Protein backbone atom coordinates (compact mmCIF):
# COMPACT_ATOMS: atom_id res chain seq x y z
CA MET A 1 23.69 61.09 -30.90
CA LYS A 2 20.82 62.87 -29.23
CA ILE A 3 17.34 61.37 -29.79
CA SER A 4 14.30 63.63 -29.65
CA LYS A 5 11.33 62.87 -27.42
CA LYS A 6 9.22 62.23 -30.51
CA SER A 7 11.73 59.67 -31.76
CA GLN A 8 11.76 58.01 -28.35
CA VAL A 9 7.98 57.68 -28.41
CA VAL A 10 8.06 56.22 -31.92
CA CYS A 11 10.71 53.69 -30.87
CA LEU A 12 8.68 52.68 -27.83
CA VAL A 13 5.59 52.12 -29.98
CA PHE A 14 7.54 49.88 -32.35
CA VAL A 15 8.97 47.93 -29.43
CA LEU A 16 5.51 47.37 -27.97
CA MET A 17 4.19 46.33 -31.37
CA ALA A 18 7.03 43.86 -31.75
CA ILE A 19 6.41 42.36 -28.34
CA SER A 20 2.68 42.10 -28.91
CA SER A 21 3.20 40.35 -32.23
CA PHE A 22 5.68 37.80 -30.91
CA PHE A 23 4.81 37.17 -27.28
CA VAL A 24 1.39 35.76 -26.36
CA THR A 25 0.94 35.02 -22.71
CA ALA A 26 -0.99 32.37 -20.82
CA ALA A 27 -3.44 35.11 -19.91
CA PHE A 28 -4.28 35.37 -23.62
CA ALA A 29 -4.79 31.61 -23.65
CA GLU A 30 -7.34 32.04 -20.88
CA GLU A 31 -9.09 34.63 -23.03
CA LEU A 32 -9.22 32.09 -25.86
CA VAL A 33 -10.90 29.63 -23.53
CA ASP A 34 -13.45 32.20 -22.46
CA THR A 35 -14.32 33.29 -26.00
CA ALA A 36 -14.22 30.00 -27.81
CA GLY A 37 -15.48 27.80 -24.98
CA THR A 38 -12.78 25.23 -25.69
CA THR A 39 -9.21 24.62 -24.63
CA PRO A 40 -6.68 26.89 -26.35
CA PRO A 41 -3.94 25.78 -28.71
CA LEU A 42 -0.65 25.79 -26.81
CA VAL A 43 2.96 24.99 -27.63
CA THR A 44 5.68 23.82 -25.25
CA PHE A 45 9.35 23.19 -26.04
CA ILE A 46 11.10 20.50 -23.95
CA ALA A 47 14.85 20.08 -24.40
CA ASP A 48 16.12 16.69 -23.23
CA ASP A 49 19.28 15.80 -21.28
CA GLY A 50 20.42 19.18 -19.89
CA ASN A 51 23.01 19.71 -22.63
CA VAL A 52 25.05 22.91 -22.43
CA ALA A 53 23.43 23.86 -25.75
CA ASP A 54 20.29 24.68 -23.75
CA PHE A 55 22.29 27.62 -22.48
CA THR A 56 24.27 28.49 -25.59
CA LEU A 57 21.62 27.94 -28.28
CA LEU A 58 18.20 28.15 -26.63
CA LYS A 59 18.79 31.01 -24.22
CA PRO A 60 19.47 33.51 -27.05
CA LEU A 61 16.16 32.48 -28.66
CA SER A 62 14.38 32.82 -25.32
CA ASP A 63 15.90 36.26 -24.81
CA GLN A 64 15.05 37.43 -28.33
CA TYR A 65 11.49 36.13 -28.55
CA LYS A 66 10.67 36.28 -24.83
CA ILE A 67 9.50 32.67 -24.78
CA PRO A 68 9.94 29.94 -22.18
CA PHE A 69 11.78 26.66 -22.58
CA THR A 70 11.72 23.53 -20.45
CA SER A 71 14.94 21.62 -19.77
CA ALA A 72 14.66 17.94 -18.81
CA LEU A 73 17.71 17.36 -16.62
CA LEU A 74 19.82 14.27 -16.05
CA THR A 75 20.77 15.10 -12.51
CA SER A 76 23.91 12.95 -12.42
CA THR A 77 25.48 14.87 -15.33
CA ILE A 78 25.09 18.44 -14.09
CA ASN A 79 28.54 20.12 -13.99
CA GLU A 80 29.91 17.37 -16.24
CA PRO A 81 31.45 18.10 -19.68
CA ASN A 82 28.86 19.00 -22.34
CA SER A 83 26.20 19.49 -19.66
CA MET A 84 25.05 22.65 -17.97
CA THR A 85 26.53 23.81 -14.71
CA ILE A 86 24.65 24.80 -11.59
CA GLU A 87 25.59 28.39 -12.32
CA GLN A 88 24.06 28.20 -15.80
CA LEU A 89 20.87 26.67 -14.42
CA ASN A 90 20.57 29.53 -11.98
CA VAL A 91 21.09 32.09 -14.75
CA LEU A 92 18.34 30.49 -16.83
CA TYR A 93 15.98 30.31 -13.86
CA ALA A 94 16.60 33.98 -13.08
CA THR A 95 15.20 34.94 -16.52
CA GLY A 96 11.75 33.87 -15.31
CA ARG A 97 11.28 31.98 -18.58
CA TRP A 98 12.82 28.62 -17.75
CA GLU A 99 11.38 25.44 -16.33
CA PHE A 100 13.44 22.46 -15.12
CA VAL A 101 11.94 18.97 -14.99
CA SER A 102 13.25 15.49 -14.28
CA HIS A 103 14.81 13.21 -16.89
CA THR A 104 15.90 10.75 -14.13
CA VAL A 105 19.34 10.43 -12.58
CA ASN A 106 21.18 8.22 -15.08
CA HIS A 107 18.89 7.94 -18.16
CA PRO A 108 18.27 4.16 -18.02
CA PHE A 109 15.65 2.17 -19.89
CA LEU A 110 13.09 2.37 -17.11
CA THR A 111 11.18 -0.62 -18.47
CA GLU A 112 14.23 -2.83 -17.87
CA VAL A 113 15.36 -1.84 -14.37
CA SER A 114 14.30 -3.38 -11.05
CA ASP A 115 11.53 -1.89 -8.95
CA THR A 116 14.11 -0.55 -6.51
CA GLN A 117 16.21 1.12 -9.22
CA LEU A 118 13.07 2.48 -10.87
CA ASN A 119 11.94 4.18 -7.68
CA ASP A 120 15.47 5.45 -6.99
CA GLU A 121 15.74 7.01 -10.46
CA LEU A 122 12.38 8.74 -10.08
CA SER A 123 12.61 9.86 -6.48
CA GLN A 124 16.27 10.90 -6.33
CA SER A 125 16.11 13.07 -9.45
CA GLN A 126 13.03 14.80 -8.06
CA GLN A 127 14.70 15.34 -4.70
CA TRP A 128 17.73 16.85 -6.45
CA LEU A 129 15.56 19.34 -8.34
CA MET A 130 13.72 20.34 -5.17
CA SER A 131 16.97 20.83 -3.29
CA LYS A 132 18.26 23.31 -5.93
CA ASN A 133 15.25 25.65 -5.65
CA LEU A 134 14.69 25.73 -9.38
CA GLY A 135 10.92 26.22 -9.33
CA ASN A 136 8.09 23.72 -9.40
CA GLY A 137 9.16 21.77 -12.48
CA TYR A 138 10.09 18.90 -10.16
CA GLN A 139 6.43 17.88 -10.54
CA TYR A 140 7.07 16.66 -14.09
CA LEU A 141 9.05 13.82 -15.68
CA VAL A 142 10.37 13.07 -19.17
CA TYR A 143 10.86 9.33 -19.74
CA PRO A 144 14.37 8.46 -20.96
CA TYR A 145 14.14 7.23 -24.57
CA GLY A 146 10.37 7.65 -24.14
CA ARG A 147 10.26 4.10 -22.74
CA HIS A 148 7.37 3.38 -20.39
CA ASP A 149 4.89 0.65 -19.56
CA SER A 150 2.17 0.20 -16.94
CA ARG A 151 4.71 -0.53 -14.18
CA VAL A 152 6.77 2.54 -15.03
CA MET A 153 3.69 4.77 -15.31
CA ASP A 154 2.35 3.59 -11.95
CA ALA A 155 5.71 4.32 -10.34
CA ALA A 156 5.97 7.72 -12.04
CA MET A 157 2.56 8.79 -10.75
CA LYS A 158 3.74 8.21 -7.17
CA TYR A 159 6.11 11.16 -7.56
CA TYR A 160 5.00 13.31 -10.50
CA LYS A 161 1.87 15.07 -11.72
CA ALA A 162 2.67 14.32 -15.36
CA ALA A 163 5.18 12.43 -17.51
CA PHE A 164 6.11 12.78 -21.18
CA ASN A 165 6.74 10.16 -23.86
CA THR A 166 8.04 10.28 -27.45
CA VAL A 167 4.80 9.41 -29.22
CA PRO A 168 4.54 11.90 -32.14
CA LYS A 169 1.00 13.12 -31.55
CA LEU A 170 -0.71 16.23 -30.24
CA ASN A 171 -2.60 16.23 -26.94
CA SER A 172 -6.32 16.80 -26.73
CA ALA A 173 -8.18 18.63 -23.97
CA GLN A 174 -8.00 15.55 -21.72
CA VAL A 175 -4.57 14.01 -21.42
CA ASN A 176 -3.27 10.91 -19.73
CA PRO A 177 -0.93 12.51 -17.19
CA ALA A 178 1.27 9.41 -17.15
CA SER A 179 1.89 9.55 -20.91
CA ILE A 180 1.76 12.96 -22.61
CA ASN A 181 2.80 13.03 -26.27
CA ARG A 182 5.71 14.93 -27.83
CA ILE A 183 6.57 15.55 -31.45
CA PRO A 184 10.31 15.49 -32.25
CA LEU A 185 11.76 18.64 -33.75
CA GLY A 186 14.95 17.46 -35.40
CA ALA A 187 16.40 14.30 -36.92
CA TRP A 188 14.77 12.07 -34.25
CA THR A 189 11.82 11.26 -36.53
CA SER A 190 10.75 9.67 -39.79
CA PRO A 191 11.72 11.09 -43.19
CA GLY A 192 9.36 13.86 -44.20
CA GLU A 193 8.57 14.69 -40.58
CA ASP A 194 11.76 16.68 -40.05
CA THR A 195 10.91 19.73 -42.11
CA VAL A 196 9.75 23.19 -41.17
CA ALA A 197 6.63 22.64 -43.26
CA TYR A 198 5.76 19.56 -41.19
CA TYR A 199 6.28 21.40 -37.90
CA GLU A 200 4.15 24.31 -39.08
CA SER A 201 1.41 21.85 -40.11
CA LYS A 202 1.35 20.58 -36.53
CA VAL A 203 0.95 24.14 -35.27
CA ASP A 204 -2.00 24.55 -37.64
CA GLU A 205 -3.46 21.27 -36.35
CA ALA A 206 -3.16 22.50 -32.76
CA ILE A 207 -4.98 25.71 -33.72
CA ALA A 208 -7.74 23.86 -35.58
CA ASN A 209 -8.44 21.37 -32.79
CA GLY A 210 -7.55 23.36 -29.70
CA GLU A 211 -4.70 20.98 -28.86
CA TRP A 212 -1.42 21.08 -26.95
CA LEU A 213 1.65 20.69 -29.15
CA VAL A 214 4.76 19.62 -27.23
CA PHE A 215 8.00 19.70 -29.20
CA MET A 216 10.91 17.48 -28.16
CA LEU A 217 14.33 19.09 -28.67
CA HIS A 218 17.88 17.74 -28.45
CA PRO A 219 20.08 20.84 -28.72
CA GLY A 220 23.74 20.00 -29.12
CA ALA A 221 23.13 16.42 -30.28
CA VAL A 222 25.15 15.71 -33.43
CA SER A 223 23.13 12.94 -35.12
CA TYR A 224 19.61 13.69 -33.95
CA GLY A 225 19.63 17.30 -32.77
CA HIS A 226 17.58 20.08 -34.27
CA ASN A 227 18.62 22.85 -36.62
CA ASN A 228 18.48 26.07 -34.64
CA ALA A 229 17.53 28.06 -37.73
CA ASP A 230 14.56 25.72 -38.28
CA LEU A 231 13.58 26.14 -34.64
CA GLU A 232 13.67 29.90 -34.95
CA THR A 233 11.51 29.77 -38.07
CA VAL A 234 8.97 27.60 -36.24
CA ILE A 235 8.96 30.01 -33.26
CA GLN A 236 8.27 32.90 -35.63
CA TYR A 237 5.44 30.96 -37.26
CA ILE A 238 3.88 30.09 -33.89
CA GLN A 239 3.95 33.71 -32.80
CA SER A 240 2.60 34.91 -36.12
CA LYS A 241 -0.45 32.71 -35.39
CA ASN A 242 -0.79 34.17 -31.90
CA VAL A 243 -0.40 30.72 -30.31
CA PRO A 244 0.95 30.90 -26.74
CA ILE A 245 4.29 29.23 -26.03
CA VAL A 246 4.10 28.10 -22.42
CA THR A 247 5.75 25.96 -19.78
CA ILE A 248 4.38 22.56 -18.78
CA ASN A 249 3.05 24.01 -15.57
CA GLU A 250 1.14 26.71 -17.44
CA ALA A 251 -0.30 24.24 -19.96
CA MET A 252 -1.51 21.86 -17.25
CA GLN A 253 -3.88 24.58 -16.06
CA TYR A 254 -5.88 24.15 -19.26
CA TYR A 255 -5.48 20.46 -20.04
CA THR A 256 -7.22 18.14 -17.61
CA PRO A 257 -6.17 14.54 -17.03
CA VAL A 258 -8.18 11.76 -18.65
CA PRO A 259 -10.03 9.99 -15.84
CA VAL A 260 -8.09 6.89 -14.83
CA ASN A 261 -10.54 4.20 -13.75
CA VAL A 262 -10.07 2.07 -10.65
CA THR A 263 -9.15 -1.52 -11.51
CA GLU A 264 -8.74 -3.06 -8.07
CA VAL A 265 -8.83 -2.42 -4.34
CA THR A 266 -7.07 -4.45 -1.68
CA VAL A 267 -7.28 -4.32 2.10
CA SER A 268 -4.29 -4.48 4.44
CA GLU A 269 -5.48 -7.67 6.17
CA ALA A 270 -7.74 -10.39 4.77
CA ASN A 271 -8.23 -12.03 8.18
CA LYS A 272 -7.94 -10.54 11.62
CA THR A 273 -8.44 -12.13 15.05
CA VAL A 274 -8.89 -9.72 17.95
CA ILE A 275 -10.24 -9.53 21.47
CA ALA A 276 -13.72 -8.12 22.02
CA GLY A 277 -13.61 -4.47 23.03
CA THR A 278 -10.46 -3.66 21.10
CA ALA A 279 -10.00 -1.65 17.89
CA PHE A 280 -7.64 -1.76 14.92
CA ASN A 281 -7.13 0.02 11.60
CA LEU A 282 -7.54 -1.36 8.10
CA THR A 283 -5.96 0.34 5.08
CA ALA A 284 -7.36 0.23 1.55
CA THR A 285 -5.04 0.38 -1.46
CA VAL A 286 -6.75 1.56 -4.65
CA LEU A 287 -5.12 0.64 -7.97
CA PRO A 288 -3.77 1.90 -10.22
CA GLU A 289 -1.72 4.43 -8.29
CA ASN A 290 -2.89 7.26 -10.53
CA ALA A 291 -6.60 6.42 -10.39
CA THR A 292 -8.62 9.62 -10.64
CA ASN A 293 -11.14 8.84 -7.92
CA LYS A 294 -9.74 6.87 -5.00
CA ALA A 295 -12.68 7.43 -2.67
CA VAL A 296 -13.86 4.37 -0.74
CA THR A 297 -16.58 3.46 1.74
CA TRP A 298 -16.40 0.94 4.59
CA SER A 299 -19.12 -1.34 5.95
CA SER A 300 -19.63 -4.27 8.33
CA ASP A 301 -22.19 -7.03 7.89
CA GLN A 302 -22.46 -7.62 11.66
CA THR A 303 -22.47 -4.26 13.39
CA ASP A 304 -23.32 -5.84 16.75
CA ILE A 305 -19.98 -7.67 16.56
CA ALA A 306 -17.79 -5.08 14.82
CA THR A 307 -18.31 -1.61 13.37
CA VAL A 308 -16.07 0.35 11.01
CA ASP A 309 -15.81 4.11 10.48
CA ALA A 310 -15.09 6.10 7.33
CA SER A 311 -11.32 5.89 7.85
CA GLY A 312 -11.22 2.08 8.17
CA LYS A 313 -11.00 1.94 11.97
CA VAL A 314 -12.71 -1.24 13.20
CA THR A 315 -14.13 -1.40 16.72
CA THR A 316 -15.18 -4.77 18.15
CA HIS A 317 -18.04 -5.25 20.58
CA LYS A 318 -18.67 -8.93 21.28
CA THR A 319 -17.53 -12.39 20.23
CA GLY A 320 -18.36 -13.71 16.76
CA THR A 321 -17.33 -13.08 13.16
CA ALA A 322 -18.00 -10.07 10.96
CA THR A 323 -17.00 -9.25 7.40
CA VAL A 324 -15.70 -5.73 6.89
CA THR A 325 -15.91 -4.58 3.26
CA VAL A 326 -14.23 -1.66 1.51
CA THR A 327 -15.86 -0.51 -1.74
CA THR A 328 -14.57 2.01 -4.27
CA ALA A 329 -16.74 4.88 -5.43
CA ASP A 330 -15.41 4.34 -8.95
CA GLY A 331 -16.41 0.95 -10.32
CA SER A 332 -17.68 -0.50 -7.02
CA LYS A 333 -14.58 -2.67 -6.65
CA SER A 334 -14.43 -4.33 -3.23
CA ALA A 335 -12.21 -6.25 -0.83
CA THR A 336 -12.98 -7.82 2.52
CA CYS A 337 -11.47 -8.59 5.88
CA LEU A 338 -12.94 -11.42 7.97
CA VAL A 339 -12.85 -10.28 11.58
CA ASN A 340 -12.88 -13.03 14.21
CA VAL A 341 -13.73 -11.46 17.57
CA GLN A 342 -12.76 -13.54 20.57
CA ALA A 343 -13.35 -13.20 24.27
CA PRO A 344 -10.36 -12.46 26.50
CA VAL A 345 -8.22 -15.56 27.00
CA ASP A 346 -9.15 -15.75 30.67
CA ASN A 347 -12.76 -16.42 29.59
CA ILE A 348 -11.74 -19.82 28.21
CA LYS A 349 -12.93 -22.44 30.70
CA ALA A 350 -12.78 -26.21 31.02
CA SER A 351 -15.86 -28.17 32.08
CA TYR A 352 -15.77 -31.79 33.22
CA GLN A 353 -17.82 -34.60 34.68
CA THR A 354 -16.82 -37.91 36.28
CA HIS A 355 -18.37 -41.35 36.56
CA VAL A 356 -18.24 -42.22 40.27
CA GLN A 357 -18.53 -45.63 41.93
CA ASN A 358 -22.12 -46.23 43.19
CA VAL A 359 -23.14 -42.79 41.83
CA GLY A 360 -22.68 -42.87 38.06
CA TRP A 361 -22.21 -39.68 36.08
CA GLN A 362 -22.24 -36.55 38.17
CA GLY A 363 -23.25 -33.18 36.85
CA TRP A 364 -20.77 -30.98 34.95
CA LYS A 365 -18.30 -28.95 36.96
CA ALA A 366 -16.04 -26.06 35.88
CA ASP A 367 -13.33 -23.66 36.91
CA GLY A 368 -11.72 -25.64 39.73
CA GLN A 369 -14.86 -27.17 41.24
CA VAL A 370 -14.51 -30.69 42.66
CA SER A 371 -15.84 -33.49 40.52
CA GLY A 372 -16.02 -36.82 42.34
CA THR A 373 -15.91 -37.21 46.11
CA SER A 374 -13.60 -36.61 48.99
CA GLY A 375 -13.53 -38.76 52.14
CA GLN A 376 -16.05 -41.33 50.83
CA SER A 377 -13.57 -43.86 49.40
CA LEU A 378 -15.41 -43.94 46.07
CA ARG A 379 -13.37 -44.51 42.95
CA LEU A 380 -13.52 -42.48 39.74
CA GLU A 381 -14.23 -44.80 36.81
CA GLY A 382 -14.55 -42.40 33.87
CA ILE A 383 -14.18 -38.73 32.93
CA GLU A 384 -15.31 -36.41 30.14
CA ILE A 385 -13.73 -32.97 29.59
CA ASN A 386 -14.78 -30.08 27.33
CA VAL A 387 -13.45 -26.58 26.74
CA ASP A 388 -15.49 -23.42 26.15
CA LYS A 389 -13.43 -22.11 23.23
CA GLN A 390 -14.80 -18.53 23.19
CA GLY A 391 -14.00 -18.34 19.48
CA TYR A 392 -10.42 -19.62 19.80
CA ASP A 393 -8.94 -22.56 17.94
CA ILE A 394 -8.34 -24.59 21.07
CA GLY A 395 -9.25 -28.09 22.16
CA ILE A 396 -8.49 -30.44 25.05
CA ALA A 397 -7.10 -33.98 25.03
CA TYR A 398 -6.71 -36.41 27.94
CA GLN A 399 -5.89 -39.98 28.86
CA THR A 400 -6.20 -41.96 32.10
CA HIS A 401 -4.29 -44.77 33.76
CA ILE A 402 -6.93 -47.48 34.28
CA GLN A 403 -6.88 -50.48 36.61
CA ASN A 404 -5.79 -53.63 34.70
CA ILE A 405 -5.30 -51.58 31.52
CA GLY A 406 -2.64 -48.90 32.20
CA TRP A 407 -2.23 -45.72 30.21
CA GLU A 408 -4.77 -45.55 27.41
CA ALA A 409 -2.22 -44.15 24.94
CA ASP A 410 -0.27 -47.38 25.31
CA THR A 411 -3.29 -49.30 24.00
CA ASP A 412 -5.59 -48.98 21.04
CA ARG A 413 -7.88 -46.84 23.23
CA GLY A 414 -5.58 -43.80 22.73
CA TRP A 415 -6.05 -40.22 23.83
CA LYS A 416 -9.59 -38.91 24.15
CA SER A 417 -10.62 -35.33 23.36
CA ASN A 418 -13.35 -32.72 23.53
CA GLY A 419 -16.05 -34.51 25.52
CA ALA A 420 -15.23 -38.14 24.72
CA MET A 421 -15.11 -40.54 27.69
CA SER A 422 -11.78 -41.64 29.10
CA GLY A 423 -11.93 -44.64 31.45
CA THR A 424 -14.71 -47.22 31.68
CA SER A 425 -18.36 -47.41 32.56
CA GLY A 426 -20.02 -50.49 34.10
CA GLN A 427 -16.71 -52.38 34.56
CA SER A 428 -15.89 -51.27 38.13
CA LEU A 429 -12.34 -50.30 37.11
CA ARG A 430 -10.71 -47.48 39.00
CA LEU A 431 -8.86 -44.54 37.49
CA GLU A 432 -5.41 -44.22 39.04
CA ALA A 433 -3.86 -41.24 37.17
CA ILE A 434 -4.61 -38.72 34.43
CA GLN A 435 -2.83 -36.52 31.87
CA ILE A 436 -4.51 -33.47 30.25
CA LYS A 437 -3.17 -31.24 27.48
CA LEU A 438 -4.40 -28.56 25.09
CA SER A 439 -4.58 -28.76 21.29
CA GLY A 440 -5.26 -26.42 18.37
CA ALA A 441 -3.59 -23.35 16.91
CA ASP A 442 -4.32 -21.29 20.03
CA ALA A 443 -3.17 -23.91 22.53
CA ASP A 444 -0.17 -21.73 23.34
CA LYS A 445 -2.45 -19.03 24.75
CA CYS A 446 -3.44 -21.03 27.86
CA ASP A 447 -2.18 -23.46 30.49
CA VAL A 448 -4.40 -26.22 31.84
CA TYR A 449 -3.89 -27.15 35.51
CA TYR A 450 -5.42 -30.18 37.22
CA GLN A 451 -5.30 -31.64 40.74
CA VAL A 452 -6.47 -35.09 41.89
CA HIS A 453 -7.53 -36.60 45.22
CA ALA A 454 -5.74 -39.96 45.44
CA GLN A 455 -6.41 -42.83 47.86
CA ASN A 456 -4.08 -42.70 50.91
CA TYR A 457 -2.58 -39.38 49.73
CA GLY A 458 -5.47 -36.94 49.60
CA TRP A 459 -5.09 -33.88 47.38
CA LEU A 460 -1.77 -33.98 45.49
CA GLY A 461 -0.06 -30.95 43.92
CA TRP A 462 -1.27 -29.30 40.73
CA ALA A 463 -0.03 -30.75 37.41
CA LYS A 464 -0.23 -28.97 34.04
CA ASN A 465 -0.07 -29.36 30.28
CA GLY A 466 0.21 -33.10 29.84
CA ASP A 467 2.06 -33.96 33.07
CA SER A 468 0.84 -36.95 35.09
CA ALA A 469 -1.37 -36.49 38.15
CA GLY A 470 -2.20 -39.34 40.57
CA THR A 471 -0.32 -42.53 41.30
CA GLU A 472 1.07 -45.47 39.38
CA GLY A 473 2.09 -48.91 40.65
CA PHE A 474 0.19 -48.74 43.95
CA GLY A 475 -3.28 -49.70 42.86
CA TYR A 476 -4.66 -46.51 44.46
CA ARG A 477 -7.88 -45.04 43.18
CA LEU A 478 -8.61 -41.46 42.13
CA GLU A 479 -11.53 -40.10 44.14
CA GLY A 480 -11.85 -36.48 42.93
CA ILE A 481 -10.44 -33.97 40.42
CA LYS A 482 -10.27 -30.20 39.84
CA ILE A 483 -9.42 -28.60 36.47
CA VAL A 484 -8.57 -24.92 35.83
CA MET A 485 -7.57 -23.10 32.61
CA VAL A 486 -5.53 -19.90 32.93
CA PRO A 487 -3.82 -17.48 30.47
CA LYS A 488 -0.40 -18.74 29.42
CA GLY A 489 2.24 -18.19 32.06
CA SER A 490 -0.18 -17.39 34.87
CA ALA A 491 0.50 -18.65 38.37
CA ALA A 492 -0.71 -22.11 39.34
CA PRO A 493 -3.94 -22.25 41.39
CA GLY A 494 -2.01 -23.78 44.29
CA SER A 495 1.04 -25.82 45.20
CA THR A 496 2.61 -27.82 42.37
CA GLU A 497 4.61 -30.02 44.73
CA GLN A 498 4.28 -33.77 44.10
CA PRO A 499 1.36 -34.01 41.64
CA PHE A 500 2.28 -37.61 40.75
CA VAL A 501 3.68 -40.54 42.68
CA ILE A 502 5.08 -43.60 40.94
CA LYS A 503 6.20 -46.79 42.69
């Protein structure tokens, strides 16, 4: 049959009128925002599970009414019986009216799985969607069974911009992106809330309040699926009210997340010991994961000792302690790191003084200087030793072998430490040998070497770290001593041959 040009024009007009009456775009929603000054009413349809009915039942409605649908896919079931195939997904995507979001890999109760399984379910389903090039719906998640708690929401916000529950409410202009509401359309609801009249009342509510109505669908489900005729009636009602039917991604342009307040901030290290002149990085973790404003500032209470920049990089300048604090812009939550700045290990020195026959206490010596005498046949009678810690947890302990007494540790005199006197004063008793060792948590950072001048032998070899130096069983006096501290494993100051002679 031949159609006249006039008839063709008339047909085209009717087609355009039909489209304009049934299909309201997101651009129109933007116009509503501009004119009303509020967010527009919007409707989104999300079909759970990726059932093949998305293709057989929903696609014809999408084609007829030119509306989008969102399919929440169980990625482990694609190509399985009763589920859509990859080919069907591609056909739907090619219409330009379909959005695919995550419904996890295996549809578990996320509130009951381990942290590892939770992250696997969320991340692997997202990766699958991204790998199939099915648009940007991979940014969104639908919780299986609607189950979610604070742990699940925190995990979801690591991967997704928004996640949907099964709470039967509409969404206001500000939504919690970790828990967006959906109203069931079908038998998955309470009696009286599964009628066309109820669904249409929710559309009216969205229009009245400028809210986002998200319908949850289960096409193909026998006991809790929707009636496709009811769905079509609801679609017609929505379009008769000029309410846009949009994808999640389109709706999120108009609905802003409710600000999520910061509850806590932690810092990567609570205590840090470093060498002066070095730098290190601290990392702040702001909780919860989906906090709206994660901005932080860094500060140091002793900038002459350590400074910190805006990224958390700490630079040390001199020995001492400084407290580095990170503070959140939201809520002024804070956490600290105590920075202990030490000098290089080779700055740790031992100082010592001896009580010498006919002389008494000599002045303090350090760093290998001779304390006592050489060539004067004067006995050492006592010794005191200290260590310049330079901020390290390090001490020094020592004992001497004393004429008529023996090793102090074999008596109630015991080891002496950190400046206490070992030996005697005013008793004219000679020291014959000595042992010196380091103590404290940082003792393993240094070696202590010591060398004695013994009667009839002269300078013996260097001993270290608790070994004996001098003589035993001969009655020979010590006349002089040198003590040196070096970084652990460093070479001895001289020969270590024969530091101690025993009869």
